[in-house]
Amino acid sequence: MADIKKLIAGFKRFQENYFGGDQELFGQLKQGQSPSAMVIACSDSRVDPALLMDCEPGDQFVVRNVGSLVPPYETGGGLHGVSTALEFGVCVLGVQHLIVLGHSHCGGIETLMHGIPKGTQSEFIVNWVNIAQRARERVVDEMPDASAEQQSCACEQAAVLVSLENLLTFPWIKQRVQQGELILHGWYFDIDSGAMLAYDSIQGRYEPLL
């Protein structure tokens, strides 16, 4: 009960801040949204992209899922939540930046690397995280003697790159990237240090964002 009261109190503060005396921001937002950036982030409760980047409502178009994963483009049967969000963000809203935001201590990537926690049943998790199976294969091949923690960290960063690769399988994303209308970014947040790393495709490695 205390937890839900905390959420209600938080909404009260939000309402006072944005719908109190100064309603300029939401006065503009009720006319529509025009974010310049889209973020594909993890559902992890510790990694909220709006908090990490100190954004106001309307600044980011966000889709969150287990592992910050992007499936490859395909139009077969099934419901395509991430693909739909991508289509809306890129084709309808016309975002100019698309950020894949991974993070340390990711439970989804831990499951990919070392299996579902003992005693847990999974209908959906294992199939979903297998989107990044080739990230796992790269890590196991290149770091066979590393510790489980080191392998998971490396896989978290490699999974971001898999999602970037998968983004380019969407024809309307690839076209916009080639025309310079859309820029893809791979970022990785380290919960331990508070650092944000950005993938440098020229150097082939992650570098501190700041």
C-alpha atoms as a PDB file:
ATOM      1  CA  MET A   1       0.000   0.000   0.000  1.00  0.00           C
ATOM      2  CA  ALA A   2       2.857   2.380   0.802  1.00  0.00           C
ATOM      3  CA  ASP A   3       4.271   1.895  -2.692  1.00  0.00           C
ATOM      4  CA  ILE A   4       1.063   2.925  -4.458  1.00  0.00           C
ATOM      5  CA  LYS A   5       0.734   5.921  -2.137  1.00  0.00           C
ATOM      6  CA  LYS A   6       4.208   6.989  -3.239  1.00  0.00           C
ATOM      7  CA  LEU A   7       3.104   6.847  -6.881  1.00  0.00           C
ATOM      8  CA  ILE A   8      -0.042   8.844  -6.162  1.00  0.00           C
ATOM      9  CA  ALA A   9       1.964  11.473  -4.285  1.00  0.00           C
ATOM     10  CA  GLY A  10       4.334  11.642  -7.242  1.00  0.00           C
ATOM     11  CA  PHE A  11       1.447  12.234  -9.630  1.00  0.00           C
ATOM     12  CA  LYS A  12       0.190  15.006  -7.352  1.00  0.00           C
ATOM     13  CA  ARG A  13       3.562  16.756  -7.642  1.00  0.00           C
ATOM     14  CA  PHE A  14       3.531  16.258 -11.422  1.00  0.00           C
ATOM     15  CA  GLN A  15       0.051  17.751 -11.657  1.00  0.00           C
ATOM     16  CA  GLU A  16       1.046  20.723  -9.532  1.00  0.00           C
ATOM     17  CA  ASN A  17       4.236  21.315 -11.549  1.00  0.00           C
ATOM     18  CA  TYR A  18       2.746  21.048 -15.029  1.00  0.00           C
ATOM     19  CA  PHE A  19      -0.942  21.880 -14.566  1.00  0.00           C
ATOM     20  CA  GLY A  20      -0.663  24.415 -11.772  1.00  0.00           C
ATOM     21  CA  GLY A  21       0.130  28.069 -12.247  1.00  0.00           C
ATOM     22  CA  ASP A  22       2.292  27.701 -15.358  1.00  0.00           C
ATOM     23  CA  GLN A  23       0.620  25.565 -18.018  1.00  0.00           C
ATOM     24  CA  GLU A  24       2.741  26.729 -20.961  1.00  0.00           C
ATOM     25  CA  LEU A  25       4.404  23.370 -21.677  1.00  0.00           C
ATOM     26  CA  PHE A  26       1.241  21.293 -21.777  1.00  0.00           C
ATOM     27  CA  GLY A  27      -0.541  24.147 -23.466  1.00  0.00           C
ATOM     28  CA  GLN A  28       1.848  23.484 -26.333  1.00  0.00           C
ATOM     29  CA  LEU A  29       1.870  19.683 -26.025  1.00  0.00           C
ATOM     30  CA  LYS A  30      -1.896  19.377 -26.268  1.00  0.00           C
ATOM     31  CA  GLN A  31      -1.507  20.603 -29.851  1.00  0.00           C
ATOM     32  CA  GLY A  32       0.709  17.594 -30.648  1.00  0.00           C
ATOM     33  CA  GLN A  33       4.172  16.152 -30.091  1.00  0.00           C
ATOM     34  CA  SER A  34       7.329  16.795 -32.086  1.00  0.00           C
ATOM     35  CA  PRO A  35      10.240  15.084 -30.311  1.00  0.00           C
ATOM     36  CA  SER A  36      13.567  15.148 -32.119  1.00  0.00           C
ATOM     37  CA  ALA A  37      14.802  11.920 -30.489  1.00  0.00           C
ATOM     38  CA  MET A  38      13.485   8.409 -30.088  1.00  0.00           C
ATOM     39  CA  VAL A  39      14.912   6.101 -27.415  1.00  0.00           C
ATOM     40  CA  ILE A  40      14.742   2.316 -27.323  1.00  0.00           C
ATOM     41  CA  ALA A  41      15.359   1.529 -23.675  1.00  0.00           C
ATOM     42  CA  CYS A  42      15.063  -1.348 -21.245  1.00  0.00           C
ATOM     43  CA  SER A  43      11.990  -1.870 -19.066  1.00  0.00           C
ATOM     44  CA  ASP A  44      14.340  -2.066 -16.049  1.00  0.00           C
ATOM     45  CA  SER A  45      12.975   0.165 -13.277  1.00  0.00           C
ATOM     46  CA  ARG A  46      16.443   1.609 -12.613  1.00  0.00           C
ATOM     47  CA  VAL A  47      16.994   2.971 -16.114  1.00  0.00           C
ATOM     48  CA  ASP A  48      14.411   5.581 -17.041  1.00  0.00           C
ATOM     49  CA  PRO A  49      15.692   7.486 -20.104  1.00  0.00           C
ATOM     50  CA  ALA A  50      13.760  10.641 -19.225  1.00  0.00           C
ATOM     51  CA  LEU A  51      15.437  10.750 -15.810  1.00  0.00           C
ATOM     52  CA  LEU A  52      18.889   9.863 -17.162  1.00  0.00           C
ATOM     53  CA  MET A  53      18.730  12.694 -19.696  1.00  0.00           C
ATOM     54  CA  ASP A  54      16.774  15.108 -17.484  1.00  0.00           C
ATOM     55  CA  CYS A  55      14.041  15.562 -20.092  1.00  0.00           C
ATOM     56  CA  GLU A  56      10.655  17.201 -19.922  1.00  0.00           C
ATOM     57  CA  PRO A  57       7.449  15.693 -21.332  1.00  0.00           C
ATOM     58  CA  GLY A  58       7.537  15.901 -25.114  1.00  0.00           C
ATOM     59  CA  ASP A  59      11.326  15.666 -25.466  1.00  0.00           C
ATOM     60  CA  GLN A  60      11.594  11.930 -26.221  1.00  0.00           C
ATOM     61  CA  PHE A  61       9.547   9.304 -28.016  1.00  0.00           C
ATOM     62  CA  VAL A  62      10.302   6.156 -26.013  1.00  0.00           C
ATOM     63  CA  VAL A  63       9.742   2.432 -26.412  1.00  0.00           C
ATOM     64  CA  ARG A  64      10.886   0.162 -23.587  1.00  0.00           C
ATOM     65  CA  ASN A  65      11.218  -3.602 -23.523  1.00  0.00           C
ATOM     66  CA  VAL A  66      13.278  -6.301 -21.828  1.00  0.00           C
ATOM     67  CA  GLY A  67      16.888  -5.816 -22.952  1.00  0.00           C
ATOM     68  CA  SER A  68      16.411  -2.693 -25.131  1.00  0.00           C
ATOM     69  CA  LEU A  69      16.107  -5.043 -28.091  1.00  0.00           C
ATOM     70  CA  VAL A  70      15.083  -4.370 -31.687  1.00  0.00           C
ATOM     71  CA  PRO A  71      13.881  -7.363 -33.707  1.00  0.00           C
ATOM     72  CA  PRO A  72      14.809  -7.502 -37.396  1.00  0.00           C
ATOM     73  CA  TYR A  73      12.340  -6.185 -39.938  1.00  0.00           C
ATOM     74  CA  GLU A  74       9.649  -8.661 -40.927  1.00  0.00           C
ATOM     75  CA  THR A  75       5.997  -8.363 -41.843  1.00  0.00           C
ATOM     76  CA  GLY A  76       4.704 -11.811 -40.990  1.00  0.00           C
ATOM     77  CA  GLY A  77       2.047 -12.757 -38.487  1.00  0.00           C
ATOM     78  CA  GLY A  78       2.039 -11.570 -34.914  1.00  0.00           C
ATOM     79  CA  LEU A  79       1.865  -8.235 -33.170  1.00  0.00           C
ATOM     80  CA  HIS A  80       4.886  -6.016 -33.685  1.00  0.00           C
ATOM     81  CA  GLY A  81       5.083  -3.586 -30.788  1.00  0.00           C
ATOM     82  CA  VAL A  82       8.641  -2.353 -31.292  1.00  0.00           C
ATOM     83  CA  SER A  83       8.309  -2.198 -35.073  1.00  0.00           C
ATOM     84  CA  THR A  84       5.074  -0.208 -34.757  1.00  0.00           C
ATOM     85  CA  ALA A  85       6.734   2.277 -32.401  1.00  0.00           C
ATOM     86  CA  LEU A  86       9.664   2.608 -34.809  1.00  0.00           C
ATOM     87  CA  GLU A  87       7.349   3.251 -37.734  1.00  0.00           C
ATOM     88  CA  PHE A  88       5.425   5.878 -35.789  1.00  0.00           C
ATOM     89  CA  GLY A  89       8.541   7.604 -34.452  1.00  0.00           C
ATOM     90  CA  VAL A  90      10.462   7.604 -37.715  1.00  0.00           C
ATOM     91  CA  CYS A  91       7.775   7.885 -40.374  1.00  0.00           C
ATOM     92  CA  VAL A  92       5.062   9.864 -38.592  1.00  0.00           C
ATOM     93  CA  LEU A  93       6.931  12.015 -36.075  1.00  0.00           C
ATOM     94  CA  GLY A  94      10.111  12.283 -38.145  1.00  0.00           C
ATOM     95  CA  VAL A  95      12.623  11.976 -35.287  1.00  0.00           C
ATOM     96  CA  GLN A  96      16.172  12.881 -36.259  1.00  0.00           C
ATOM     97  CA  HIS A  97      17.985  10.774 -33.651  1.00  0.00           C
ATOM     98  CA  LEU A  98      17.355   7.155 -32.700  1.00  0.00           C
ATOM     99  CA  ILE A  99      19.128   5.948 -29.548  1.00  0.00           C
ATOM    100  CA  VAL A 100      19.441   2.331 -28.426  1.00  0.00           C
ATOM    101  CA  LEU A 101      20.099   2.551 -24.687  1.00  0.00           C
ATOM    102  CA  GLY A 102      21.551  -0.533 -23.014  1.00  0.00           C
ATOM    103  CA  HIS A 103      22.708  -0.778 -19.407  1.00  0.00           C
ATOM    104  CA  SER A 104      24.693  -2.819 -16.914  1.00  0.00           C
ATOM    105  CA  HIS A 105      23.139  -5.512 -14.702  1.00  0.00           C
ATOM    106  CA  CYS A 106      20.434  -6.172 -17.309  1.00  0.00           C
ATOM    107  CA  GLY A 107      18.289  -9.138 -16.310  1.00  0.00           C
ATOM    108  CA  GLY A 108      17.262  -9.821 -19.889  1.00  0.00           C
ATOM    109  CA  ILE A 109      20.830 -10.109 -21.113  1.00  0.00           C
ATOM    110  CA  GLU A 110      21.750 -12.132 -18.027  1.00  0.00           C
ATOM    111  CA  THR A 111      19.034 -14.582 -19.070  1.00  0.00           C
ATOM    112  CA  LEU A 112      20.388 -14.662 -22.621  1.00  0.00           C
ATOM    113  CA  MET A 113      23.906 -15.420 -21.372  1.00  0.00           C
ATOM    114  CA  HIS A 114      23.224 -17.826 -18.550  1.00  0.00           C
ATOM    115  CA  GLY A 115      19.628 -18.997 -18.820  1.00  0.00           C
ATOM    116  CA  ILE A 116      16.374 -18.258 -17.036  1.00  0.00           C
ATOM    117  CA  PRO A 117      16.720 -18.043 -13.226  1.00  0.00           C
ATOM    118  CA  LYS A 118      16.188 -21.400 -11.523  1.00  0.00           C
ATOM    119  CA  GLY A 119      12.568 -22.025 -10.641  1.00  0.00           C
ATOM    120  CA  THR A 120      11.276 -19.487 -13.158  1.00  0.00           C
ATOM    121  CA  GLN A 121       8.957 -20.479 -15.965  1.00  0.00           C
ATOM    122  CA  SER A 122       9.061 -18.562 -19.209  1.00  0.00           C
ATOM    123  CA  GLU A 123       6.521 -18.355 -21.996  1.00  0.00           C
ATOM    124  CA  PHE A 124       7.977 -15.269 -23.651  1.00  0.00           C
ATOM    125  CA  ILE A 125      11.277 -14.115 -22.097  1.00  0.00           C
ATOM    126  CA  VAL A 126      13.650 -16.676 -23.609  1.00  0.00           C
ATOM    127  CA  ASN A 127      12.315 -16.286 -27.145  1.00  0.00           C
ATOM    128  CA  TRP A 128      12.470 -12.507 -26.847  1.00  0.00           C
ATOM    129  CA  VAL A 129      16.050 -12.220 -25.584  1.00  0.00           C
ATOM    130  CA  ASN A 130      17.190 -14.638 -28.285  1.00  0.00           C
ATOM    131  CA  ILE A 131      16.876 -11.671 -30.643  1.00  0.00           C
ATOM    132  CA  ALA A 132      20.401 -10.891 -29.424  1.00  0.00           C
ATOM    133  CA  GLN A 133      21.675 -14.480 -29.737  1.00  0.00           C
ATOM    134  CA  ARG A 134      24.477 -13.440 -32.081  1.00  0.00           C
ATOM    135  CA  ALA A 135      25.724 -11.012 -29.413  1.00  0.00           C
ATOM    136  CA  ARG A 136      26.000 -13.953 -27.023  1.00  0.00           C
ATOM    137  CA  GLU A 137      27.812 -16.004 -29.660  1.00  0.00           C
ATOM    138  CA  ARG A 138      30.328 -13.208 -30.238  1.00  0.00           C
ATOM    139  CA  VAL A 139      31.069 -12.923 -26.523  1.00  0.00           C
ATOM    140  CA  VAL A 140      31.410 -16.674 -25.944  1.00  0.00           C
ATOM    141  CA  ASP A 141      33.697 -16.942 -28.979  1.00  0.00           C
ATOM    142  CA  GLU A 142      35.881 -13.949 -28.084  1.00  0.00           C
ATOM    143  CA  MET A 143      35.868 -14.241 -24.255  1.00  0.00           C
ATOM    144  CA  PRO A 144      35.629 -17.967 -23.433  1.00  0.00           C
ATOM    145  CA  ASP A 145      37.706 -17.664 -20.246  1.00  0.00           C
ATOM    146  CA  ALA A 146      36.103 -14.501 -18.867  1.00  0.00           C
ATOM    147  CA  SER A 147      33.972 -14.546 -15.731  1.00  0.00           C
ATOM    148  CA  ALA A 148      30.199 -14.746 -15.989  1.00  0.00           C
ATOM    149  CA  GLU A 149      29.971 -11.098 -14.920  1.00  0.00           C
ATOM    150  CA  GLN A 150      32.466  -9.995 -17.568  1.00  0.00           C
ATOM    151  CA  GLN A 151      30.651 -11.966 -20.244  1.00  0.00           C
ATOM    152  CA  SER A 152      27.301 -10.458 -19.288  1.00  0.00           C
ATOM    153  CA  CYS A 153      28.737  -6.932 -19.409  1.00  0.00           C
ATOM    154  CA  ALA A 154      30.267  -7.564 -22.822  1.00  0.00           C
ATOM    155  CA  CYS A 155      27.003  -9.071 -24.055  1.00  0.00           C
ATOM    156  CA  GLU A 156      25.021  -6.055 -22.833  1.00  0.00           C
ATOM    157  CA  GLN A 157      27.179  -3.816 -24.984  1.00  0.00           C
ATOM    158  CA  ALA A 158      27.185  -6.233 -27.929  1.00  0.00           C
ATOM    159  CA  ALA A 159      23.386  -6.489 -27.795  1.00  0.00           C
ATOM    160  CA  VAL A 160      23.145  -2.732 -28.391  1.00  0.00           C
ATOM    161  CA  LEU A 161      25.137  -3.244 -31.588  1.00  0.00           C
ATOM    162  CA  VAL A 162      22.828  -6.078 -32.664  1.00  0.00           C
ATOM    163  CA  SER A 163      19.862  -3.756 -32.231  1.00  0.00           C
ATOM    164  CA  LEU A 164      21.617  -1.097 -34.314  1.00  0.00           C
ATOM    165  CA  GLU A 165      22.246  -3.694 -37.019  1.00  0.00           C
ATOM    166  CA  ASN A 166      18.598  -4.772 -36.891  1.00  0.00           C
ATOM    167  CA  LEU A 167      17.420  -1.173 -37.202  1.00  0.00           C
ATOM    168  CA  LEU A 168      19.081  -0.999 -40.610  1.00  0.00           C
ATOM    169  CA  THR A 169      16.985  -3.941 -41.818  1.00  0.00           C
ATOM    170  CA  PHE A 170      13.957  -1.602 -41.791  1.00  0.00           C
ATOM    171  CA  PRO A 171      13.956  -0.094 -45.301  1.00  0.00           C
ATOM    172  CA  TRP A 172      12.557   3.284 -44.234  1.00  0.00           C
ATOM    173  CA  ILE A 173      15.159   3.595 -41.474  1.00  0.00           C
ATOM    174  CA  LYS A 174      18.046   2.605 -43.755  1.00  0.00           C
ATOM    175  CA  GLN A 175      16.895   5.098 -46.385  1.00  0.00           C
ATOM    176  CA  ARG A 176      16.728   7.970 -43.904  1.00  0.00           C
ATOM    177  CA  VAL A 177      20.135   7.098 -42.459  1.00  0.00           C
ATOM    178  CA  GLN A 178      21.677   7.033 -45.941  1.00  0.00           C
ATOM    179  CA  GLN A 179      20.089  10.390 -46.769  1.00  0.00           C
ATOM    180  CA  GLY A 180      21.373  11.971 -43.551  1.00  0.00           C
ATOM    181  CA  GLU A 181      17.875  12.516 -42.159  1.00  0.00           C
ATOM    182  CA  LEU A 182      18.285  10.109 -39.239  1.00  0.00           C
ATOM    183  CA  ILE A 183      21.274   9.344 -37.008  1.00  0.00           C
ATOM    184  CA  LEU A 184      21.547   6.104 -35.022  1.00  0.00           C
ATOM    185  CA  HIS A 185      23.248   6.047 -31.616  1.00  0.00           C
ATOM    186  CA  GLY A 186      24.312   3.178 -29.375  1.00  0.00           C
ATOM    187  CA  TRP A 187      24.564   4.183 -25.698  1.00  0.00           C
ATOM    188  CA  TYR A 188      25.317   2.134 -22.586  1.00  0.00           C
ATOM    189  CA  PHE A 189      24.585   3.273 -19.027  1.00  0.00           C
ATOM    190  CA  ASP A 190      26.809   1.883 -16.260  1.00  0.00           C
ATOM    191  CA  ILE A 191      24.707   1.698 -13.105  1.00  0.00           C
ATOM    192  CA  ASP A 192      27.797   1.159 -10.934  1.00  0.00           C
ATOM    193  CA  SER A 193      29.670   4.310 -11.952  1.00  0.00           C
ATOM    194  CA  GLY A 194      26.869   6.469 -13.334  1.00  0.00           C
ATOM    195  CA  ALA A 195      28.788   6.832 -16.609  1.00  0.00           C
ATOM    196  CA  MET A 196      27.167   6.873 -20.039  1.00  0.00           C
ATOM    197  CA  LEU A 197      29.160   5.340 -22.885  1.00  0.00           C
ATOM    198  CA  ALA A 198      28.523   5.912 -26.586  1.00  0.00           C
ATOM    199  CA  TYR A 199      29.594   3.515 -29.325  1.00  0.00           C
ATOM    200  CA  ASP A 200      32.109   5.016 -31.752  1.00  0.00           C
ATOM    201  CA  SER A 201      31.690   3.134 -35.024  1.00  0.00           C
ATOM    202  CA  ILE A 202      34.944   4.555 -36.432  1.00  0.00           C
ATOM    203  CA  GLN A 203      37.029   3.415 -33.453  1.00  0.00           C
ATOM    204  CA  GLY A 204      34.965   0.267 -32.992  1.00  0.00           C
ATOM    205  CA  ARG A 205      34.553   0.752 -29.249  1.00  0.00           C
ATOM    206  CA  TYR A 206      32.530   2.505 -26.567  1.00  0.00           C
ATOM    207  CA  GLU A 207      33.760   5.874 -25.346  1.00  0.00           C
ATOM    208  CA  PRO A 208      32.519   8.077 -22.468  1.00  0.00           C
ATOM    209  CA  LEU A 209      29.699  10.315 -23.622  1.00  0.00           C
ATOM    210  CA  LEU A 210      31.001  13.108 -21.361  1.00  0.00           C
END
